[in-house]
Amino acid sequence: QVQLVESGGGLVQAGGSLRLSCALSGRTFSSYVMGWFRQAPGKEREFVAAISRTSSYKAYADSVKGRFTISRDNAKNMVYLQMNSMNAEDTAVYYCEADGGFWSSTSYSTSLNYDYWGQGTQVTVSS
């Protein structure tokens, strides 16, 4: 059974930075495409970033491109999301998700294509 645990959320001022971490246990981490999604109150879950199994491919939502960076450490079973120049629109619960399939440009941005997800971590940006 795969478990995902996010950490690193909190309150930050506009223009500030946060680094989210996600630990995967229960299966071989390097077998999964990893994604970050977020959900603001009253809104649907939306794609933030994704990374392929060997970090060869990365993808970002237009709204975070140039500000957020996704990375992974397969030796530590961890995926990270470095968030810089944050603004109020980044306020949401952030979810780490794992997809046991192969990297696909048609699937990495859709949460329904992922097999597992964590309980989320709250990120609040004050303006």
Protein backbone atom coordinates (compact mmCIF):
# COMPACT_ATOMS: atom_id res chain seq x y z
CA GLN A 1 0.00 0.00 0.00
CA VAL A 2 1.45 3.33 -1.08
CA GLN A 3 1.37 6.18 1.41
CA LEU A 4 2.12 9.80 0.61
CA VAL A 5 2.77 12.37 3.31
CA GLU A 6 3.14 16.05 2.50
CA SER A 7 4.87 18.59 4.71
CA GLY A 8 6.17 22.14 4.59
CA GLY A 9 2.96 24.10 4.24
CA GLY A 10 2.19 27.19 6.28
CA LEU A 11 1.60 30.92 6.22
CA VAL A 12 3.83 33.13 4.09
CA GLN A 13 3.70 36.75 3.01
CA ALA A 14 3.22 37.69 -0.61
CA GLY A 15 6.55 37.59 -2.39
CA GLY A 16 7.88 34.96 -0.03
CA SER A 17 8.89 31.34 -0.51
CA LEU A 18 7.99 27.90 0.78
CA ARG A 19 9.30 24.44 0.06
CA LEU A 20 6.89 21.53 0.14
CA SER A 21 8.08 17.98 0.62
CA CYS A 22 6.34 14.67 0.01
CA ALA A 23 7.49 11.28 1.22
CA LEU A 24 6.34 8.07 -0.47
CA SER A 25 6.43 4.73 1.31
CA GLY A 26 5.22 1.25 0.55
CA ARG A 27 6.47 0.86 -3.00
CA THR A 28 9.48 1.69 -5.15
CA PHE A 29 9.45 5.47 -5.44
CA SER A 30 11.31 5.54 -8.75
CA SER A 31 8.43 3.62 -10.36
CA TYR A 32 6.12 6.61 -10.14
CA VAL A 33 5.56 9.81 -12.02
CA MET A 34 4.98 12.40 -9.31
CA GLY A 35 2.72 15.41 -9.41
CA TRP A 36 1.67 18.34 -7.29
CA PHE A 37 -1.90 19.55 -7.43
CA ARG A 38 -3.74 22.19 -5.41
CA GLN A 39 -7.29 22.99 -4.45
CA ALA A 40 -8.54 26.34 -3.25
CA PRO A 41 -11.85 26.71 -1.38
CA GLY A 42 -14.79 26.42 -3.75
CA LYS A 43 -12.59 25.47 -6.68
CA GLU A 44 -11.66 22.25 -8.42
CA ARG A 45 -8.31 20.58 -7.91
CA GLU A 46 -5.81 21.93 -10.41
CA PHE A 47 -2.48 20.81 -11.76
CA VAL A 48 0.64 22.56 -10.49
CA ALA A 49 3.68 20.54 -11.58
CA ALA A 50 4.79 17.04 -12.50
CA ILE A 51 8.09 15.18 -12.84
CA SER A 52 8.95 11.95 -14.60
CA ARG A 53 10.50 8.92 -12.93
CA THR A 54 14.10 9.92 -13.65
CA SER A 55 13.54 13.69 -13.65
CA SER A 56 14.09 13.79 -17.41
CA TYR A 57 10.78 15.54 -17.90
CA LYS A 58 9.13 18.29 -15.90
CA ALA A 59 5.94 20.22 -16.52
CA TYR A 60 4.31 23.22 -14.92
CA ALA A 61 1.00 25.01 -14.99
CA ASP A 62 1.25 28.37 -16.72
CA SER A 63 0.27 30.11 -13.50
CA VAL A 64 3.40 28.88 -11.67
CA LYS A 65 5.93 28.64 -14.49
CA GLY A 66 9.09 30.53 -13.61
CA ARG A 67 8.16 30.70 -9.92
CA PHE A 68 7.82 27.05 -8.83
CA THR A 69 10.32 24.23 -9.25
CA ILE A 70 9.60 20.53 -8.87
CA SER A 71 12.37 18.07 -8.05
CA ARG A 72 12.79 14.57 -6.69
CA ASP A 73 15.35 12.47 -4.89
CA ASN A 74 14.81 8.80 -5.70
CA ALA A 75 17.37 7.72 -3.10
CA LYS A 76 15.30 9.41 -0.38
CA ASN A 77 11.84 8.61 -1.81
CA MET A 78 11.03 12.32 -1.80
CA VAL A 79 9.54 14.86 -4.16
CA TYR A 80 9.74 18.59 -3.56
CA LEU A 81 8.03 21.76 -4.70
CA GLN A 82 10.01 24.97 -4.28
CA MET A 83 7.63 27.92 -4.43
CA ASN A 84 9.01 31.44 -4.91
CA SER A 85 7.45 34.85 -5.50
CA MET A 86 4.23 33.62 -4.05
CA ASN A 87 0.97 35.51 -4.28
CA ALA A 88 -2.52 35.26 -2.81
CA GLU A 89 -3.69 33.12 -5.74
CA ASP A 90 -1.31 30.38 -4.56
CA THR A 91 -3.36 29.89 -1.40
CA ALA A 92 -4.71 26.34 -1.42
CA VAL A 93 -4.33 22.86 -0.06
CA TYR A 94 -1.46 21.23 -1.93
CA TYR A 95 -1.55 17.52 -2.72
CA CYS A 96 1.24 15.19 -3.73
CA GLU A 97 0.16 12.46 -6.16
CA ALA A 98 1.78 9.35 -7.62
CA ASP A 99 1.12 7.78 -11.01
CA GLY A 100 2.37 4.26 -11.69
CA GLY A 101 2.18 4.74 -15.46
CA PHE A 102 4.70 6.20 -17.85
CA TRP A 103 5.23 9.90 -18.49
CA SER A 104 2.62 11.14 -20.92
CA SER A 105 1.94 14.65 -22.09
CA THR A 106 -1.76 13.81 -22.15
CA SER A 107 -2.04 12.51 -18.60
CA TYR A 108 0.35 14.19 -16.16
CA SER A 109 -1.86 17.23 -15.67
CA THR A 110 -5.03 15.32 -14.76
CA SER A 111 -5.46 14.25 -11.15
CA LEU A 112 -7.78 11.37 -12.11
CA ASN A 113 -4.86 9.70 -13.89
CA TYR A 114 -2.89 9.38 -10.67
CA ASP A 115 -3.13 6.30 -8.49
CA TYR A 116 -2.34 7.66 -5.05
CA TRP A 117 -2.43 10.98 -3.23
CA GLY A 118 -1.70 12.35 0.19
CA GLN A 119 -3.91 14.21 2.64
CA GLY A 120 -2.57 17.58 1.61
CA THR A 121 -0.83 20.48 3.26
CA GLN A 122 -2.31 23.96 3.64
CA VAL A 123 -0.51 26.90 2.06
CA THR A 124 -1.73 30.40 2.84
CA VAL A 125 -0.27 33.52 1.28
CA SER A 126 -1.10 36.79 2.98
CA SER A 127 -1.20 39.94 0.89
